[in-house]
Amino acid sequence: MSGKKGIDPAVRKETIRVGLIAYAGIALMLLVFYLLHTFCPKEVWDVPFDYTVILGGVCCGIIDILNFFLMGQAVVKVTSLEPILDEEGNLSDEDRKRASRIMSTSMRLRFLLMIVWCIAAIAAPCFNAISGILPLVFPTLGIKVLGLAKKTE
């Protein structure tokens, strides 16, 4: 970002990519919910498929995207800091500590966001808890699967 206002193009591009991965996973999850709801005997397992399932997935997707976007913004902030060099011209300990502090604060706030979301997904009756929490793993899982697919090419 280095002095410019706005969103870094790399952060925008990767956030869109993560959003597509997250919502592809959510679409697959909704399909599984629908199939279980339709074909699983109610006496065995009464799987819901209503607005709470859809709303939980959609809102968790927003949390996924926000989490990744905020992480990207923190990385841009760290990489755009003016370096503090020691006498030998190397990065000083103060510079490393400053970068570490920014990333740690970002990580703690993003983790808090996800914890608050999980509590809301469990406590609020408008969300299905499973569909509201399960998509938190979709971006990480999707990125790893895509990485493996690239390695096999």
C-alpha atoms as a PDB file:
ATOM      1  CA  MET A   1       0.000   0.000   0.000  1.00  0.00           C
ATOM      2  CA  SER A   2       2.959   2.307   0.767  1.00  0.00           C
ATOM      3  CA  GLY A   3       1.382   5.711   1.103  1.00  0.00           C
ATOM      4  CA  LYS A   4      -1.664   5.085  -1.097  1.00  0.00           C
ATOM      5  CA  LYS A   5      -5.166   5.061   0.230  1.00  0.00           C
ATOM      6  CA  GLY A   6      -7.429   2.136  -0.445  1.00  0.00           C
ATOM      7  CA  ILE A   7      -7.135  -1.609  -0.559  1.00  0.00           C
ATOM      8  CA  ASP A   8      -3.964  -3.216  -1.811  1.00  0.00           C
ATOM      9  CA  PRO A   9      -4.666  -4.992  -5.143  1.00  0.00           C
ATOM     10  CA  ALA A  10      -3.066  -8.247  -3.920  1.00  0.00           C
ATOM     11  CA  VAL A  11      -5.260  -8.222  -0.797  1.00  0.00           C
ATOM     12  CA  ARG A  12      -8.344  -7.558  -2.936  1.00  0.00           C
ATOM     13  CA  LYS A  13      -7.485 -10.363  -5.376  1.00  0.00           C
ATOM     14  CA  GLU A  14      -6.716 -12.946  -2.684  1.00  0.00           C
ATOM     15  CA  THR A  15      -9.745 -11.948  -0.588  1.00  0.00           C
ATOM     16  CA  ILE A  16     -11.991 -12.526  -3.608  1.00  0.00           C
ATOM     17  CA  ARG A  17     -10.273 -15.881  -4.169  1.00  0.00           C
ATOM     18  CA  VAL A  18     -10.802 -16.884  -0.540  1.00  0.00           C
ATOM     19  CA  GLY A  19     -14.428 -15.732  -0.750  1.00  0.00           C
ATOM     20  CA  LEU A  20     -14.995 -17.935  -3.796  1.00  0.00           C
ATOM     21  CA  ILE A  21     -13.385 -20.889  -2.027  1.00  0.00           C
ATOM     22  CA  ALA A  22     -15.466 -20.282   1.113  1.00  0.00           C
ATOM     23  CA  TYR A  23     -18.755 -19.989  -0.758  1.00  0.00           C
ATOM     24  CA  ALA A  24     -17.976 -23.026  -2.935  1.00  0.00           C
ATOM     25  CA  GLY A  25     -17.535 -24.977   0.298  1.00  0.00           C
ATOM     26  CA  ILE A  26     -20.729 -23.477   1.715  1.00  0.00           C
ATOM     27  CA  ALA A  27     -22.657 -24.444  -1.434  1.00  0.00           C
ATOM     28  CA  LEU A  28     -21.368 -28.005  -1.066  1.00  0.00           C
ATOM     29  CA  MET A  29     -22.296 -27.991   2.632  1.00  0.00           C
ATOM     30  CA  LEU A  30     -25.826 -26.792   1.804  1.00  0.00           C
ATOM     31  CA  LEU A  31     -26.150 -29.555  -0.777  1.00  0.00           C
ATOM     32  CA  VAL A  32     -25.171 -32.134   1.861  1.00  0.00           C
ATOM     33  CA  PHE A  33     -27.684 -30.639   4.318  1.00  0.00           C
ATOM     34  CA  TYR A  34     -30.382 -30.800   1.638  1.00  0.00           C
ATOM     35  CA  LEU A  35     -29.578 -34.401   0.701  1.00  0.00           C
ATOM     36  CA  LEU A  36     -29.508 -35.522   4.330  1.00  0.00           C
ATOM     37  CA  HIS A  37     -32.755 -33.652   5.008  1.00  0.00           C
ATOM     38  CA  THR A  38     -34.392 -35.253   1.977  1.00  0.00           C
ATOM     39  CA  PHE A  39     -33.117 -38.820   2.159  1.00  0.00           C
ATOM     40  CA  CYS A  40     -32.193 -39.514   5.788  1.00  0.00           C
ATOM     41  CA  PRO A  41     -35.069 -41.067   7.735  1.00  0.00           C
ATOM     42  CA  LYS A  42     -36.363 -38.621  10.352  1.00  0.00           C
ATOM     43  CA  GLU A  43     -36.346 -41.387  12.993  1.00  0.00           C
ATOM     44  CA  VAL A  44     -32.615 -41.886  12.475  1.00  0.00           C
ATOM     45  CA  TRP A  45     -31.497 -38.281  12.139  1.00  0.00           C
ATOM     46  CA  ASP A  46     -33.713 -35.268  11.664  1.00  0.00           C
ATOM     47  CA  VAL A  47     -31.436 -33.002   9.626  1.00  0.00           C
ATOM     48  CA  PRO A  48     -32.905 -29.531   9.170  1.00  0.00           C
ATOM     49  CA  PHE A  49     -32.838 -27.642   5.915  1.00  0.00           C
ATOM     50  CA  ASP A  50     -34.422 -24.258   6.464  1.00  0.00           C
ATOM     51  CA  TYR A  51     -33.482 -20.587   6.588  1.00  0.00           C
ATOM     52  CA  THR A  52     -31.314 -21.133   9.696  1.00  0.00           C
ATOM     53  CA  VAL A  53     -28.995 -23.468   7.778  1.00  0.00           C
ATOM     54  CA  ILE A  54     -28.668 -21.052   4.858  1.00  0.00           C
ATOM     55  CA  LEU A  55     -28.299 -17.971   7.066  1.00  0.00           C
ATOM     56  CA  GLY A  56     -25.647 -19.671   9.206  1.00  0.00           C
ATOM     57  CA  GLY A  57     -23.600 -20.592   6.138  1.00  0.00           C
ATOM     58  CA  VAL A  58     -23.935 -17.207   4.440  1.00  0.00           C
ATOM     59  CA  CYS A  59     -22.996 -15.271   7.587  1.00  0.00           C
ATOM     60  CA  CYS A  60     -20.062 -17.562   8.343  1.00  0.00           C
ATOM     61  CA  GLY A  61     -18.843 -16.966   4.799  1.00  0.00           C
ATOM     62  CA  ILE A  62     -18.834 -13.248   5.545  1.00  0.00           C
ATOM     63  CA  ILE A  63     -16.785 -13.920   8.680  1.00  0.00           C
ATOM     64  CA  ASP A  64     -14.350 -16.027   6.600  1.00  0.00           C
ATOM     65  CA  ILE A  65     -13.877 -13.212   4.107  1.00  0.00           C
ATOM     66  CA  LEU A  66     -13.548 -10.544   6.793  1.00  0.00           C
ATOM     67  CA  ASN A  67     -10.991 -12.634   8.678  1.00  0.00           C
ATOM     68  CA  PHE A  68      -8.814 -13.078   5.597  1.00  0.00           C
ATOM     69  CA  PHE A  69      -9.193  -9.435   4.546  1.00  0.00           C
ATOM     70  CA  LEU A  70      -8.118  -8.179   7.981  1.00  0.00           C
ATOM     71  CA  MET A  71      -5.132 -10.526   7.955  1.00  0.00           C
ATOM     72  CA  GLY A  72      -4.124  -9.215   4.524  1.00  0.00           C
ATOM     73  CA  GLN A  73      -4.441  -5.628   5.702  1.00  0.00           C
ATOM     74  CA  ALA A  74      -2.186  -6.385   8.680  1.00  0.00           C
ATOM     75  CA  VAL A  75       0.438  -7.932   6.397  1.00  0.00           C
ATOM     76  CA  VAL A  76       0.308  -4.875   4.127  1.00  0.00           C
ATOM     77  CA  LYS A  77       0.686  -2.621   7.162  1.00  0.00           C
ATOM     78  CA  VAL A  78       3.748  -4.548   8.357  1.00  0.00           C
ATOM     79  CA  THR A  79       5.370  -4.625   4.934  1.00  0.00           C
ATOM     80  CA  SER A  80       4.798  -0.905   4.392  1.00  0.00           C
ATOM     81  CA  LEU A  81       6.445   0.167   7.655  1.00  0.00           C
ATOM     82  CA  GLU A  82       9.558   2.270   7.330  1.00  0.00           C
ATOM     83  CA  PRO A  83      12.362  -0.022   8.501  1.00  0.00           C
ATOM     84  CA  ILE A  84      14.356   0.841  11.593  1.00  0.00           C
ATOM     85  CA  LEU A  85      17.937  -0.212  10.993  1.00  0.00           C
ATOM     86  CA  ASP A  86      20.709  -0.779  13.504  1.00  0.00           C
ATOM     87  CA  GLU A  87      24.287   0.495  13.156  1.00  0.00           C
ATOM     88  CA  GLU A  88      25.192  -2.350  10.782  1.00  0.00           C
ATOM     89  CA  GLY A  89      22.256  -1.686   8.448  1.00  0.00           C
ATOM     90  CA  ASN A  90      20.225  -4.717   9.566  1.00  0.00           C
ATOM     91  CA  LEU A  91      16.648  -4.632  10.805  1.00  0.00           C
ATOM     92  CA  SER A  92      16.670  -3.676  14.458  1.00  0.00           C
ATOM     93  CA  ASP A  93      15.019  -5.633  17.240  1.00  0.00           C
ATOM     94  CA  GLU A  94      12.623  -2.718  17.669  1.00  0.00           C
ATOM     95  CA  ASP A  95      11.518  -3.101  14.038  1.00  0.00           C
ATOM     96  CA  ARG A  96      10.934  -6.832  14.469  1.00  0.00           C
ATOM     97  CA  LYS A  97       9.016  -6.234  17.697  1.00  0.00           C
ATOM     98  CA  ARG A  98       6.853  -3.588  16.040  1.00  0.00           C
ATOM     99  CA  ALA A  99       5.971  -5.951  13.157  1.00  0.00           C
ATOM    100  CA  SER A 100       5.335  -8.798  15.577  1.00  0.00           C
ATOM    101  CA  ARG A 101       3.084  -6.581  17.695  1.00  0.00           C
ATOM    102  CA  ILE A 102       0.978  -5.598  14.678  1.00  0.00           C
ATOM    103  CA  MET A 103       0.552  -9.205  13.534  1.00  0.00           C
ATOM    104  CA  SER A 104      -0.166 -10.455  17.076  1.00  0.00           C
ATOM    105  CA  THR A 105      -2.803  -7.792  17.628  1.00  0.00           C
ATOM    106  CA  SER A 106      -4.400  -8.635  14.285  1.00  0.00           C
ATOM    107  CA  MET A 107      -4.421 -12.336  15.098  1.00  0.00           C
ATOM    108  CA  ARG A 108      -5.979 -11.781  18.531  1.00  0.00           C
ATOM    109  CA  LEU A 109      -8.700  -9.500  17.161  1.00  0.00           C
ATOM    110  CA  ARG A 110      -9.513 -11.895  14.309  1.00  0.00           C
ATOM    111  CA  PHE A 111      -9.637 -14.810  16.746  1.00  0.00           C
ATOM    112  CA  LEU A 112     -11.968 -12.795  18.988  1.00  0.00           C
ATOM    113  CA  LEU A 113     -14.176 -12.080  15.965  1.00  0.00           C
ATOM    114  CA  MET A 114     -14.445 -15.804  15.239  1.00  0.00           C
ATOM    115  CA  ILE A 115     -15.152 -16.674  18.892  1.00  0.00           C
ATOM    116  CA  VAL A 116     -17.910 -14.053  19.077  1.00  0.00           C
ATOM    117  CA  TRP A 117     -19.332 -15.397  15.809  1.00  0.00           C
ATOM    118  CA  CYS A 118     -19.271 -19.000  17.108  1.00  0.00           C
ATOM    119  CA  ILE A 119     -21.105 -17.943  20.269  1.00  0.00           C
ATOM    120  CA  ALA A 120     -23.696 -16.088  18.182  1.00  0.00           C
ATOM    121  CA  ALA A 121     -24.080 -19.049  15.799  1.00  0.00           C
ATOM    122  CA  ILE A 122     -24.726 -21.362  18.739  1.00  0.00           C
ATOM    123  CA  ALA A 123     -26.874 -19.036  20.863  1.00  0.00           C
ATOM    124  CA  ALA A 124     -29.026 -17.229  18.308  1.00  0.00           C
ATOM    125  CA  PRO A 125     -32.033 -19.238  17.132  1.00  0.00           C
ATOM    126  CA  CYS A 126     -31.820 -17.693  13.643  1.00  0.00           C
ATOM    127  CA  PHE A 127     -28.640 -19.710  12.913  1.00  0.00           C
ATOM    128  CA  ASN A 128     -28.044 -23.422  12.629  1.00  0.00           C
ATOM    129  CA  ALA A 129     -24.941 -23.959  14.790  1.00  0.00           C
ATOM    130  CA  ILE A 130     -23.306 -26.531  12.523  1.00  0.00           C
ATOM    131  CA  SER A 131     -23.806 -24.551   9.317  1.00  0.00           C
ATOM    132  CA  GLY A 132     -22.703 -21.428  11.171  1.00  0.00           C
ATOM    133  CA  ILE A 133     -19.408 -22.853  12.412  1.00  0.00           C
ATOM    134  CA  LEU A 134     -18.321 -25.519   9.908  1.00  0.00           C
ATOM    135  CA  PRO A 135     -17.522 -23.018   7.098  1.00  0.00           C
ATOM    136  CA  LEU A 136     -14.740 -21.502   9.224  1.00  0.00           C
ATOM    137  CA  VAL A 137     -12.513 -24.346   8.006  1.00  0.00           C
ATOM    138  CA  PHE A 138     -13.434 -24.062   4.307  1.00  0.00           C
ATOM    139  CA  PRO A 139     -10.910 -21.356   3.286  1.00  0.00           C
ATOM    140  CA  THR A 140      -7.967 -23.168   4.880  1.00  0.00           C
ATOM    141  CA  LEU A 141      -9.092 -26.522   3.510  1.00  0.00           C
ATOM    142  CA  GLY A 142      -9.728 -25.090   0.049  1.00  0.00           C
ATOM    143  CA  ILE A 143      -6.372 -23.322  -0.130  1.00  0.00           C
ATOM    144  CA  LYS A 144      -4.574 -26.538   0.869  1.00  0.00           C
ATOM    145  CA  VAL A 145      -6.501 -28.614  -1.684  1.00  0.00           C
ATOM    146  CA  LEU A 146      -5.729 -26.087  -4.438  1.00  0.00           C
ATOM    147  CA  GLY A 147      -2.076 -26.086  -3.372  1.00  0.00           C
ATOM    148  CA  LEU A 148      -1.949 -29.871  -3.627  1.00  0.00           C
ATOM    149  CA  ALA A 149      -3.624 -29.747  -7.031  1.00  0.00           C
ATOM    150  CA  LYS A 150      -0.948 -27.326  -8.284  1.00  0.00           C
ATOM    151  CA  LYS A 151       1.856 -29.564  -6.984  1.00  0.00           C
ATOM    152  CA  THR A 152       0.529 -32.581  -8.922  1.00  0.00           C
ATOM    153  CA  GLU A 153       0.479 -30.669 -12.239  1.00  0.00           C
END
